[in-house]
N, C-alpha and C. Protein backbone atom coordinates (compact mmCIF):
# COMPACT_ATOMS: atom_id res chain seq x y z
N MET A 1 65.33 53.97 2.97
CA MET A 1 66.21 53.19 2.05
C MET A 1 66.16 51.73 2.35
N ASN A 2 65.80 50.92 1.31
CA ASN A 2 65.77 49.47 1.55
C ASN A 2 67.21 48.91 1.59
N VAL A 3 67.31 47.63 2.02
CA VAL A 3 68.64 47.08 2.27
C VAL A 3 69.45 46.90 0.98
N LYS A 4 68.77 46.59 -0.14
CA LYS A 4 69.52 46.44 -1.40
C LYS A 4 70.13 47.83 -1.82
N THR A 5 69.31 48.87 -1.72
CA THR A 5 69.75 50.21 -2.07
C THR A 5 70.90 50.61 -1.20
N HIS A 6 70.81 50.26 0.08
CA HIS A 6 71.92 50.58 1.04
C HIS A 6 73.21 49.99 0.59
N TRP A 7 73.18 48.67 0.22
CA TRP A 7 74.43 48.01 -0.17
C TRP A 7 74.95 48.42 -1.52
N ASP A 8 74.03 48.71 -2.44
CA ASP A 8 74.42 49.25 -3.76
C ASP A 8 75.17 50.58 -3.55
N LYS A 9 74.68 51.39 -2.63
CA LYS A 9 75.32 52.67 -2.32
C LYS A 9 76.69 52.49 -1.70
N ILE A 10 76.79 51.55 -0.77
CA ILE A 10 78.07 51.24 -0.14
C ILE A 10 79.11 50.82 -1.17
N TYR A 11 78.72 49.83 -2.04
CA TYR A 11 79.66 49.33 -3.02
C TYR A 11 80.00 50.33 -4.13
N SER A 12 79.11 51.24 -4.39
CA SER A 12 79.36 52.25 -5.45
C SER A 12 80.35 53.33 -4.93
N LYS A 13 80.29 53.55 -3.61
CA LYS A 13 81.14 54.63 -3.04
C LYS A 13 82.50 54.16 -2.59
N HIS A 14 82.64 52.85 -2.36
CA HIS A 14 83.88 52.35 -1.76
C HIS A 14 84.46 51.19 -2.57
N SER A 15 85.75 51.11 -2.62
CA SER A 15 86.37 49.93 -3.16
C SER A 15 86.29 48.80 -2.16
N PHE A 16 86.44 47.58 -2.61
CA PHE A 16 86.28 46.42 -1.75
C PHE A 16 87.20 46.48 -0.53
N ASP A 17 88.44 46.93 -0.75
CA ASP A 17 89.43 46.91 0.31
C ASP A 17 89.27 48.09 1.30
N GLN A 18 88.20 48.89 1.11
CA GLN A 18 87.89 49.91 2.08
C GLN A 18 86.74 49.51 3.05
N LEU A 19 86.13 48.36 2.75
CA LEU A 19 84.96 47.95 3.56
C LEU A 19 85.43 47.26 4.83
N ALA A 20 84.64 47.36 5.89
CA ALA A 20 85.02 46.80 7.16
C ALA A 20 85.20 45.29 7.12
N SER A 21 84.45 44.61 6.26
CA SER A 21 84.50 43.15 6.18
C SER A 21 85.64 42.61 5.32
N PHE A 22 86.37 43.54 4.68
CA PHE A 22 87.43 43.07 3.73
C PHE A 22 88.43 42.13 4.40
N GLN A 23 88.62 41.00 3.73
CA GLN A 23 89.61 40.00 4.23
C GLN A 23 90.25 39.33 3.05
N PRO A 24 91.56 39.56 2.80
CA PRO A 24 92.19 39.01 1.62
C PRO A 24 92.54 37.57 1.66
N SER A 25 92.64 36.95 2.86
CA SER A 25 93.15 35.60 2.93
C SER A 25 92.08 34.54 3.18
N HIS A 26 91.04 34.88 3.95
CA HIS A 26 89.97 33.88 4.31
C HIS A 26 90.55 32.59 4.86
N LYS A 27 91.58 32.77 5.72
CA LYS A 27 92.32 31.62 6.20
C LYS A 27 91.45 30.59 6.95
N LEU A 28 90.59 31.07 7.83
CA LEU A 28 89.76 30.12 8.58
C LEU A 28 88.70 29.43 7.71
N SER A 29 88.13 30.20 6.77
CA SER A 29 87.08 29.60 5.91
C SER A 29 87.74 28.51 5.04
N LEU A 30 88.96 28.79 4.49
CA LEU A 30 89.59 27.76 3.67
C LEU A 30 90.00 26.55 4.49
N GLU A 31 90.44 26.78 5.72
CA GLU A 31 90.82 25.68 6.56
C GLU A 31 89.61 24.80 6.87
N LEU A 32 88.44 25.40 7.12
CA LEU A 32 87.26 24.63 7.42
C LEU A 32 86.81 23.77 6.23
N ILE A 33 86.86 24.35 5.05
CA ILE A 33 86.42 23.57 3.89
C ILE A 33 87.44 22.51 3.49
N GLU A 34 88.73 22.80 3.68
CA GLU A 34 89.77 21.85 3.28
C GLU A 34 89.86 20.65 4.27
N THR A 35 89.39 20.87 5.51
CA THR A 35 89.45 19.79 6.47
C THR A 35 88.04 19.13 6.67
N SER A 36 87.12 19.46 5.80
CA SER A 36 85.75 18.93 5.90
C SER A 36 85.63 17.55 5.32
N GLY A 37 86.60 17.08 4.57
CA GLY A 37 86.56 15.76 3.95
C GLY A 37 85.77 15.77 2.67
N LEU A 38 85.42 16.96 2.14
CA LEU A 38 84.70 17.07 0.91
C LEU A 38 85.63 17.20 -0.30
N SER A 39 85.23 16.71 -1.47
CA SER A 39 86.09 16.73 -2.67
C SER A 39 86.10 18.09 -3.32
N LYS A 40 86.96 18.23 -4.35
CA LYS A 40 87.09 19.53 -5.03
C LYS A 40 85.91 19.79 -5.99
N ASN A 41 85.10 18.79 -6.25
CA ASN A 41 83.98 19.03 -7.18
C ASN A 41 82.65 19.22 -6.43
N ILE A 42 82.67 19.49 -5.16
CA ILE A 42 81.47 19.76 -4.40
C ILE A 42 80.86 21.02 -4.90
N LYS A 43 79.50 21.15 -4.60
CA LYS A 43 78.81 22.37 -4.92
C LYS A 43 78.88 23.30 -3.70
N ILE A 44 79.43 24.51 -3.94
CA ILE A 44 79.65 25.48 -2.89
C ILE A 44 78.84 26.73 -3.22
N ILE A 45 78.20 27.27 -2.18
CA ILE A 45 77.53 28.57 -2.40
C ILE A 45 78.04 29.58 -1.33
N ASP A 46 78.43 30.75 -1.79
CA ASP A 46 78.94 31.81 -0.91
C ASP A 46 77.89 32.89 -0.77
N ILE A 47 77.36 33.10 0.41
CA ILE A 47 76.28 34.06 0.65
C ILE A 47 76.84 35.43 0.91
N GLY A 48 76.34 36.41 0.15
CA GLY A 48 76.89 37.76 0.30
C GLY A 48 78.33 37.82 -0.14
N GLY A 49 78.62 37.14 -1.27
CA GLY A 49 80.00 36.96 -1.73
C GLY A 49 80.76 38.21 -2.01
N GLY A 50 80.00 39.34 -2.18
CA GLY A 50 80.68 40.67 -2.30
C GLY A 50 81.78 40.72 -3.31
N ASP A 51 82.99 40.84 -2.78
CA ASP A 51 84.17 41.05 -3.64
C ASP A 51 84.61 39.78 -4.36
N ALA A 52 84.07 38.62 -4.04
CA ALA A 52 84.39 37.35 -4.66
C ALA A 52 85.79 36.89 -4.40
N ILE A 53 86.45 37.41 -3.39
CA ILE A 53 87.80 36.97 -3.04
C ILE A 53 87.81 35.53 -2.60
N PHE A 54 86.81 35.17 -1.75
CA PHE A 54 86.76 33.75 -1.28
C PHE A 54 86.55 32.82 -2.49
N ALA A 55 85.62 33.19 -3.36
CA ALA A 55 85.41 32.36 -4.57
C ALA A 55 86.64 32.25 -5.43
N GLU A 56 87.39 33.32 -5.58
CA GLU A 56 88.63 33.27 -6.35
C GLU A 56 89.67 32.38 -5.71
N LEU A 57 89.76 32.42 -4.40
CA LEU A 57 90.73 31.56 -3.68
C LEU A 57 90.35 30.11 -3.87
N LEU A 58 89.01 29.80 -3.83
CA LEU A 58 88.54 28.42 -4.11
C LEU A 58 88.92 27.94 -5.49
N LEU A 59 88.72 28.82 -6.49
CA LEU A 59 89.09 28.46 -7.87
C LEU A 59 90.56 28.14 -7.96
N ASP A 60 91.38 28.97 -7.29
CA ASP A 60 92.82 28.80 -7.36
C ASP A 60 93.26 27.50 -6.70
N LYS A 61 92.43 27.04 -5.76
CA LYS A 61 92.75 25.75 -5.11
C LYS A 61 92.11 24.55 -5.77
N GLY A 62 91.43 24.76 -6.92
CA GLY A 62 90.94 23.65 -7.71
C GLY A 62 89.47 23.31 -7.53
N TYR A 63 88.74 24.08 -6.73
CA TYR A 63 87.32 23.83 -6.60
C TYR A 63 86.62 24.30 -7.86
N THR A 64 85.59 23.54 -8.32
CA THR A 64 85.11 23.75 -9.67
C THR A 64 83.65 24.17 -9.77
N ASP A 65 82.90 24.09 -8.69
CA ASP A 65 81.48 24.39 -8.78
C ASP A 65 81.10 25.37 -7.66
N ILE A 66 81.20 26.67 -8.02
CA ILE A 66 81.06 27.72 -7.01
C ILE A 66 79.94 28.70 -7.45
N THR A 67 79.06 28.99 -6.55
CA THR A 67 77.98 29.94 -6.76
C THR A 67 78.12 31.07 -5.76
N ILE A 68 77.89 32.32 -6.23
CA ILE A 68 77.81 33.46 -5.33
C ILE A 68 76.39 34.01 -5.34
N LEU A 69 75.81 34.12 -4.14
CA LEU A 69 74.52 34.76 -3.99
C LEU A 69 74.75 36.10 -3.33
N GLU A 70 74.49 37.18 -4.07
CA GLU A 70 74.81 38.53 -3.62
C GLU A 70 73.63 39.50 -3.84
N LEU A 71 73.31 40.27 -2.82
CA LEU A 71 72.16 41.18 -2.88
C LEU A 71 72.41 42.33 -3.86
N SER A 72 73.64 42.84 -3.84
CA SER A 72 73.99 44.09 -4.53
C SER A 72 74.43 43.89 -5.97
N ASP A 73 73.66 44.46 -6.91
CA ASP A 73 74.12 44.49 -8.32
C ASP A 73 75.49 45.16 -8.48
N GLU A 74 75.70 46.22 -7.75
CA GLU A 74 76.96 46.98 -7.83
C GLU A 74 78.12 46.09 -7.39
N ALA A 75 77.95 45.31 -6.34
CA ALA A 75 79.00 44.41 -5.91
C ALA A 75 79.34 43.39 -6.98
N ILE A 76 78.29 42.79 -7.59
CA ILE A 76 78.55 41.78 -8.61
C ILE A 76 79.25 42.42 -9.82
N LYS A 77 78.81 43.58 -10.24
CA LYS A 77 79.43 44.26 -11.39
C LYS A 77 80.94 44.51 -11.10
N LYS A 78 81.27 45.02 -9.91
CA LYS A 78 82.64 45.32 -9.60
C LYS A 78 83.47 44.02 -9.41
N ALA A 79 82.87 42.96 -8.86
CA ALA A 79 83.58 41.73 -8.67
C ALA A 79 83.91 41.09 -10.01
N LYS A 80 82.95 41.10 -10.92
CA LYS A 80 83.19 40.53 -12.26
C LYS A 80 84.30 41.30 -12.97
N ALA A 81 84.28 42.60 -12.85
CA ALA A 81 85.35 43.40 -13.47
C ALA A 81 86.74 43.06 -12.88
N ARG A 82 86.74 42.88 -11.55
CA ARG A 82 88.00 42.58 -10.89
C ARG A 82 88.53 41.18 -11.30
N LEU A 83 87.63 40.27 -11.46
CA LEU A 83 88.07 38.86 -11.78
C LEU A 83 88.42 38.63 -13.24
N GLY A 84 87.83 39.44 -14.13
CA GLY A 84 88.09 39.23 -15.56
C GLY A 84 87.54 37.87 -15.99
N ASP A 85 88.35 37.11 -16.73
CA ASP A 85 87.91 35.85 -17.32
C ASP A 85 87.54 34.81 -16.24
N LYS A 86 88.12 34.94 -15.02
CA LYS A 86 87.79 34.01 -13.95
C LYS A 86 86.31 34.10 -13.54
N ALA A 87 85.66 35.21 -13.82
CA ALA A 87 84.28 35.40 -13.44
C ALA A 87 83.38 34.38 -14.16
N ASN A 88 83.84 33.92 -15.36
CA ASN A 88 83.07 32.95 -16.11
C ASN A 88 83.02 31.59 -15.47
N SER A 89 83.89 31.35 -14.50
CA SER A 89 83.96 30.04 -13.82
C SER A 89 83.06 30.03 -12.56
N ILE A 90 82.38 31.12 -12.31
CA ILE A 90 81.53 31.26 -11.11
C ILE A 90 80.06 31.44 -11.58
N LYS A 91 79.17 30.81 -10.85
CA LYS A 91 77.71 31.06 -11.11
C LYS A 91 77.31 32.27 -10.22
N TRP A 92 76.67 33.24 -10.81
CA TRP A 92 76.31 34.46 -10.12
C TRP A 92 74.78 34.55 -9.97
N ILE A 93 74.29 34.74 -8.73
CA ILE A 93 72.89 34.95 -8.51
C ILE A 93 72.69 36.28 -7.74
N GLN A 94 71.94 37.18 -8.28
CA GLN A 94 71.66 38.41 -7.59
C GLN A 94 70.30 38.24 -6.86
N GLY A 95 70.31 38.43 -5.56
CA GLY A 95 69.07 38.27 -4.81
C GLY A 95 69.26 38.29 -3.33
N ASN A 96 68.18 38.35 -2.60
CA ASN A 96 68.17 38.34 -1.12
C ASN A 96 68.13 36.88 -0.69
N VAL A 97 69.01 36.52 0.24
CA VAL A 97 69.05 35.15 0.71
C VAL A 97 67.70 34.72 1.32
N LEU A 98 66.96 35.68 1.84
CA LEU A 98 65.69 35.37 2.49
C LEU A 98 64.60 34.89 1.45
N ASP A 99 64.84 35.30 0.20
CA ASP A 99 63.93 34.97 -0.89
C ASP A 99 64.47 33.85 -1.77
N PHE A 100 65.63 33.30 -1.38
CA PHE A 100 66.34 32.35 -2.23
C PHE A 100 65.67 30.99 -2.27
N SER A 101 65.46 30.51 -3.48
CA SER A 101 64.94 29.14 -3.70
C SER A 101 65.94 28.41 -4.59
N ALA A 102 66.70 27.50 -3.99
CA ALA A 102 67.80 26.87 -4.75
C ALA A 102 67.28 25.94 -5.86
N PHE A 103 67.97 26.04 -7.03
CA PHE A 103 67.67 25.14 -8.11
C PHE A 103 68.45 23.81 -8.00
N GLU A 104 69.43 23.82 -7.10
CA GLU A 104 70.27 22.66 -6.85
C GLU A 104 70.62 22.63 -5.38
N GLU A 105 70.99 21.50 -4.85
CA GLU A 105 71.39 21.38 -3.48
C GLU A 105 72.88 21.50 -3.33
N TYR A 106 73.33 22.06 -2.25
CA TYR A 106 74.75 22.38 -2.06
C TYR A 106 75.37 21.52 -0.99
N ASP A 107 76.67 21.28 -1.19
CA ASP A 107 77.45 20.48 -0.22
C ASP A 107 78.01 21.40 0.88
N PHE A 108 78.23 22.66 0.52
CA PHE A 108 78.92 23.60 1.46
C PHE A 108 78.35 24.96 1.28
N TRP A 109 77.77 25.46 2.38
CA TRP A 109 77.14 26.82 2.46
C TRP A 109 78.08 27.71 3.22
N HIS A 110 78.62 28.76 2.61
CA HIS A 110 79.56 29.67 3.26
C HIS A 110 78.94 31.07 3.44
N ASP A 111 78.99 31.54 4.65
CA ASP A 111 78.44 32.87 4.94
C ASP A 111 79.39 33.57 5.88
N ARG A 112 80.14 34.51 5.35
CA ARG A 112 81.01 35.31 6.20
C ARG A 112 80.51 36.74 6.18
N ALA A 113 79.99 37.18 7.30
CA ALA A 113 79.59 38.58 7.49
C ALA A 113 78.31 39.00 6.79
N ALA A 114 77.42 38.05 6.56
CA ALA A 114 76.08 38.40 6.03
C ALA A 114 75.00 38.10 7.07
N PHE A 115 75.07 36.95 7.72
CA PHE A 115 74.03 36.49 8.65
C PHE A 115 73.75 37.46 9.75
N HIS A 116 74.80 38.10 10.26
CA HIS A 116 74.60 38.94 11.43
C HIS A 116 73.80 40.24 11.16
N PHE A 117 73.58 40.57 9.86
CA PHE A 117 72.74 41.70 9.53
C PHE A 117 71.24 41.40 9.65
N LEU A 118 70.89 40.15 9.90
CA LEU A 118 69.49 39.80 10.16
C LEU A 118 69.19 40.03 11.63
N THR A 119 68.27 40.89 11.90
CA THR A 119 68.00 41.26 13.27
C THR A 119 66.55 40.93 13.73
N LYS A 120 65.68 40.60 12.77
CA LYS A 120 64.29 40.26 13.10
C LYS A 120 64.18 38.75 13.28
N PHE A 121 63.46 38.31 14.31
CA PHE A 121 63.30 36.89 14.58
C PHE A 121 62.78 36.16 13.37
N GLU A 122 61.77 36.69 12.67
CA GLU A 122 61.19 35.99 11.56
C GLU A 122 62.20 35.85 10.37
N ASP A 123 63.05 36.87 10.22
CA ASP A 123 64.06 36.79 9.16
C ASP A 123 65.13 35.73 9.49
N ILE A 124 65.50 35.65 10.74
CA ILE A 124 66.51 34.65 11.18
C ILE A 124 65.96 33.23 10.98
N GLN A 125 64.67 33.06 11.30
CA GLN A 125 64.07 31.77 11.12
C GLN A 125 63.93 31.44 9.67
N LYS A 126 63.66 32.43 8.82
CA LYS A 126 63.51 32.22 7.42
C LYS A 126 64.87 31.80 6.81
N TYR A 127 65.92 32.47 7.28
CA TYR A 127 67.29 32.10 6.83
C TYR A 127 67.56 30.65 7.17
N LYS A 128 67.24 30.23 8.38
CA LYS A 128 67.45 28.85 8.79
C LYS A 128 66.73 27.89 7.90
N LYS A 129 65.52 28.20 7.52
CA LYS A 129 64.74 27.34 6.60
C LYS A 129 65.32 27.31 5.22
N VAL A 130 65.82 28.39 4.71
CA VAL A 130 66.51 28.44 3.39
C VAL A 130 67.77 27.52 3.43
N VAL A 131 68.52 27.64 4.48
CA VAL A 131 69.71 26.76 4.60
C VAL A 131 69.32 25.28 4.58
N GLN A 132 68.37 24.95 5.37
CA GLN A 132 67.93 23.54 5.44
C GLN A 132 67.48 23.03 4.08
N ASP A 133 66.75 23.84 3.33
CA ASP A 133 66.22 23.45 2.07
C ASP A 133 67.28 23.41 0.97
N SER A 134 68.38 24.15 1.20
CA SER A 134 69.43 24.26 0.13
C SER A 134 70.56 23.25 0.30
N LEU A 135 70.70 22.65 1.50
CA LEU A 135 71.80 21.75 1.75
C LEU A 135 71.48 20.32 1.39
N LYS A 136 72.47 19.61 0.85
CA LYS A 136 72.38 18.19 0.65
C LYS A 136 72.45 17.49 2.04
N GLN A 137 72.01 16.23 2.10
CA GLN A 137 72.25 15.46 3.31
C GLN A 137 73.74 15.34 3.55
N LYS A 138 74.19 15.46 4.72
CA LYS A 138 75.58 15.51 5.09
C LYS A 138 76.29 16.79 4.68
N GLY A 139 75.54 17.77 4.11
CA GLY A 139 76.09 19.03 3.72
C GLY A 139 76.51 19.84 4.94
N LYS A 140 77.39 20.83 4.72
CA LYS A 140 77.91 21.65 5.84
C LYS A 140 77.66 23.11 5.57
N ILE A 141 77.49 23.82 6.67
CA ILE A 141 77.37 25.27 6.61
C ILE A 141 78.42 25.91 7.52
N MET A 142 79.10 26.92 6.99
CA MET A 142 80.05 27.66 7.77
C MET A 142 79.56 29.09 7.90
N LEU A 143 79.40 29.54 9.16
CA LEU A 143 78.97 30.95 9.42
C LEU A 143 80.13 31.65 10.15
N ALA A 144 80.44 32.82 9.64
CA ALA A 144 81.32 33.74 10.38
C ALA A 144 80.53 34.96 10.67
N THR A 145 80.23 35.14 11.97
CA THR A 145 79.27 36.20 12.37
C THR A 145 79.77 36.85 13.63
N PHE A 146 79.28 38.07 13.89
CA PHE A 146 79.79 38.81 15.03
C PHE A 146 79.47 38.12 16.36
N SER A 147 80.46 38.00 17.22
CA SER A 147 80.27 37.41 18.51
C SER A 147 79.65 38.43 19.47
N GLU A 148 79.44 37.99 20.69
CA GLU A 148 78.89 38.87 21.71
C GLU A 148 79.91 39.98 22.08
N LEU A 149 81.14 39.81 21.71
CA LEU A 149 82.20 40.80 21.95
C LEU A 149 82.40 41.68 20.71
N GLY A 150 81.65 41.40 19.67
CA GLY A 150 81.76 42.15 18.42
C GLY A 150 80.96 43.43 18.46
N PRO A 151 80.99 44.17 17.35
CA PRO A 151 80.28 45.46 17.28
C PRO A 151 78.74 45.29 17.32
N GLU A 152 78.04 46.34 17.66
CA GLU A 152 76.57 46.29 17.66
C GLU A 152 75.99 46.78 16.36
N GLU A 153 76.83 47.43 15.52
CA GLU A 153 76.40 47.83 14.18
C GLU A 153 77.62 47.79 13.26
N CYS A 154 77.33 47.73 11.98
CA CYS A 154 78.40 47.68 10.98
C CYS A 154 77.86 48.23 9.66
N SER A 155 78.70 49.00 8.97
CA SER A 155 78.33 49.61 7.71
C SER A 155 77.05 50.36 7.76
N GLY A 156 76.75 51.01 8.94
CA GLY A 156 75.59 51.81 9.12
C GLY A 156 74.32 51.01 9.39
N LEU A 157 74.45 49.69 9.68
CA LEU A 157 73.28 48.89 9.97
C LEU A 157 73.43 48.20 11.35
N PRO A 158 72.35 47.95 12.02
CA PRO A 158 72.42 47.14 13.28
C PRO A 158 72.70 45.70 12.95
N VAL A 159 73.27 45.00 13.91
CA VAL A 159 73.62 43.58 13.72
C VAL A 159 73.12 42.76 14.93
N THR A 160 73.13 41.42 14.77
CA THR A 160 72.85 40.54 15.88
C THR A 160 74.16 39.85 16.26
N GLN A 161 74.46 39.81 17.55
CA GLN A 161 75.66 39.14 18.07
C GLN A 161 75.32 37.74 18.54
N TYR A 162 76.34 36.88 18.45
CA TYR A 162 76.07 35.46 18.81
C TYR A 162 77.24 34.87 19.66
N SER A 163 76.84 33.86 20.45
CA SER A 163 77.83 33.00 21.11
C SER A 163 77.70 31.62 20.52
N GLU A 164 78.61 30.72 20.90
CA GLU A 164 78.52 29.33 20.38
C GLU A 164 77.22 28.64 20.87
N SER A 165 76.84 28.99 22.11
CA SER A 165 75.67 28.29 22.66
C SER A 165 74.38 28.73 21.97
N ASN A 166 74.19 30.06 21.73
CA ASN A 166 72.96 30.45 21.08
C ASN A 166 72.93 30.09 19.60
N LEU A 167 74.07 30.02 18.95
CA LEU A 167 74.11 29.50 17.58
C LEU A 167 73.73 28.01 17.53
N MET A 168 74.26 27.29 18.47
CA MET A 168 73.93 25.87 18.53
C MET A 168 72.46 25.63 18.75
N LYS A 169 71.87 26.39 19.65
CA LYS A 169 70.44 26.29 19.93
C LYS A 169 69.59 26.73 18.74
N LEU A 170 70.07 27.80 18.08
CA LEU A 170 69.30 28.32 16.95
C LEU A 170 69.13 27.34 15.80
N PHE A 171 70.21 26.64 15.48
CA PHE A 171 70.16 25.71 14.29
C PHE A 171 69.80 24.30 14.65
N ALA A 172 69.73 23.97 15.95
CA ALA A 172 69.28 22.61 16.32
C ALA A 172 67.75 22.52 16.20
N PRO A 173 67.28 21.30 16.00
CA PRO A 173 67.99 20.02 15.87
C PRO A 173 68.37 19.68 14.41
N GLU A 174 67.95 20.55 13.48
CA GLU A 174 68.12 20.20 12.05
C GLU A 174 69.62 20.19 11.64
N LEU A 175 70.40 21.00 12.29
CA LEU A 175 71.83 21.08 11.97
C LEU A 175 72.64 20.90 13.25
N HIS A 176 73.74 20.16 13.19
CA HIS A 176 74.55 19.91 14.34
C HIS A 176 75.89 20.70 14.24
N MET A 177 76.20 21.45 15.30
CA MET A 177 77.47 22.20 15.32
C MET A 177 78.60 21.17 15.53
N ILE A 178 79.58 21.24 14.65
CA ILE A 178 80.72 20.37 14.72
C ILE A 178 82.01 21.05 15.07
N ARG A 179 81.99 22.39 14.97
CA ARG A 179 83.25 23.15 15.26
C ARG A 179 82.90 24.63 15.43
N TRP A 180 83.62 25.31 16.32
CA TRP A 180 83.50 26.75 16.46
C TRP A 180 84.77 27.34 16.96
N GLN A 181 84.99 28.60 16.62
CA GLN A 181 86.25 29.28 17.00
C GLN A 181 86.04 30.79 16.95
N TYR A 182 86.55 31.51 17.98
CA TYR A 182 86.47 32.94 17.96
C TYR A 182 87.68 33.53 17.21
N TYR A 183 87.46 34.69 16.62
CA TYR A 183 88.53 35.26 15.74
C TYR A 183 88.42 36.78 15.75
N ASP A 184 89.53 37.45 15.93
CA ASP A 184 89.58 38.92 15.83
C ASP A 184 89.91 39.31 14.40
N HIS A 185 88.93 39.86 13.71
CA HIS A 185 89.13 40.41 12.39
C HIS A 185 89.57 41.90 12.51
N VAL A 186 90.60 42.28 11.82
CA VAL A 186 91.09 43.64 11.84
C VAL A 186 90.64 44.33 10.54
N THR A 187 89.85 45.37 10.63
CA THR A 187 89.31 46.09 9.48
C THR A 187 90.40 46.89 8.81
N PRO A 188 90.18 47.34 7.57
CA PRO A 188 91.14 48.21 6.92
C PRO A 188 91.44 49.49 7.75
N GLY A 189 90.50 49.86 8.61
CA GLY A 189 90.74 51.01 9.47
C GLY A 189 91.40 50.67 10.79
N LYS A 190 91.94 49.41 10.88
CA LYS A 190 92.68 48.89 12.06
C LYS A 190 91.78 48.77 13.29
N ILE A 191 90.54 48.49 13.12
CA ILE A 191 89.63 48.27 14.25
C ILE A 191 89.37 46.75 14.36
N LYS A 192 89.46 46.24 15.57
CA LYS A 192 89.23 44.79 15.80
C LYS A 192 87.73 44.55 15.94
N GLN A 193 87.32 43.52 15.24
CA GLN A 193 85.92 43.04 15.30
C GLN A 193 85.94 41.57 15.64
N ASN A 194 85.36 41.20 16.76
CA ASN A 194 85.40 39.78 17.16
C ASN A 194 84.28 38.98 16.49
N TYR A 195 84.70 37.93 15.78
CA TYR A 195 83.75 37.02 15.05
C TYR A 195 83.71 35.68 15.79
N ILE A 196 82.67 34.96 15.55
CA ILE A 196 82.65 33.53 15.86
C ILE A 196 82.46 32.78 14.55
N TYR A 197 83.39 31.88 14.29
CA TYR A 197 83.32 31.01 13.13
C TYR A 197 82.75 29.65 13.61
N SER A 198 81.66 29.27 12.98
CA SER A 198 81.02 27.98 13.38
C SER A 198 80.70 27.16 12.13
N CYS A 199 80.82 25.85 12.32
CA CYS A 199 80.54 24.93 11.24
C CYS A 199 79.49 23.93 11.72
N PHE A 200 78.48 23.72 10.85
CA PHE A 200 77.39 22.81 11.14
C PHE A 200 77.26 21.77 10.05
N SER A 201 76.70 20.65 10.44
CA SER A 201 76.48 19.56 9.46
C SER A 201 75.02 19.16 9.45
N LYS A 202 74.51 18.85 8.25
CA LYS A 202 73.14 18.39 8.14
C LYS A 202 73.13 16.87 8.16
N PRO A 203 72.49 16.24 9.16
CA PRO A 203 72.55 14.78 9.27
C PRO A 203 71.77 14.11 8.21
N VAL A 204 71.98 12.81 8.05
CA VAL A 204 71.23 12.01 7.11
C VAL A 204 69.80 11.85 7.56
């Protein structure tokens, strides 16, 4: 089973609030973007946007240019149905981030719980290159990914765990880490999963 088929199956069998990654508030992500010094008309892309809850929260806060890049057709279909008319205010792209070629450059790249599913060295390096090519100068990337204290697999797939030091080394020198924080996410099944939230900036 390829990765797209896997996620289509996951989203077809489960509601968004049954998935391990479900988070209704996105408190840390919102805090990072609101304290970044960027305006409300910045171009934002959400990688693996899934349920589009983060995108909806951004719309409610007045952000106007939001794109979701999501691998699963089933997730996009369900998210659009959940959002109703709000879905028309979001740009939707179905595809794999590793194959993504941006038509526009973004000010803010948001990835919560997608990056850690990349386990091959070549895929991780490809992701890094896609980020670099997609970000504007002075653009920022926020990653929320499993820490070294987090799980070794999730949703039936293996994951890669990270610390602040190996994330910093991974994205250097093209991107500079400007902030990081560990966070215990509690799944709908009441299981704690330790994440590291990190924010990077692309220099001029």
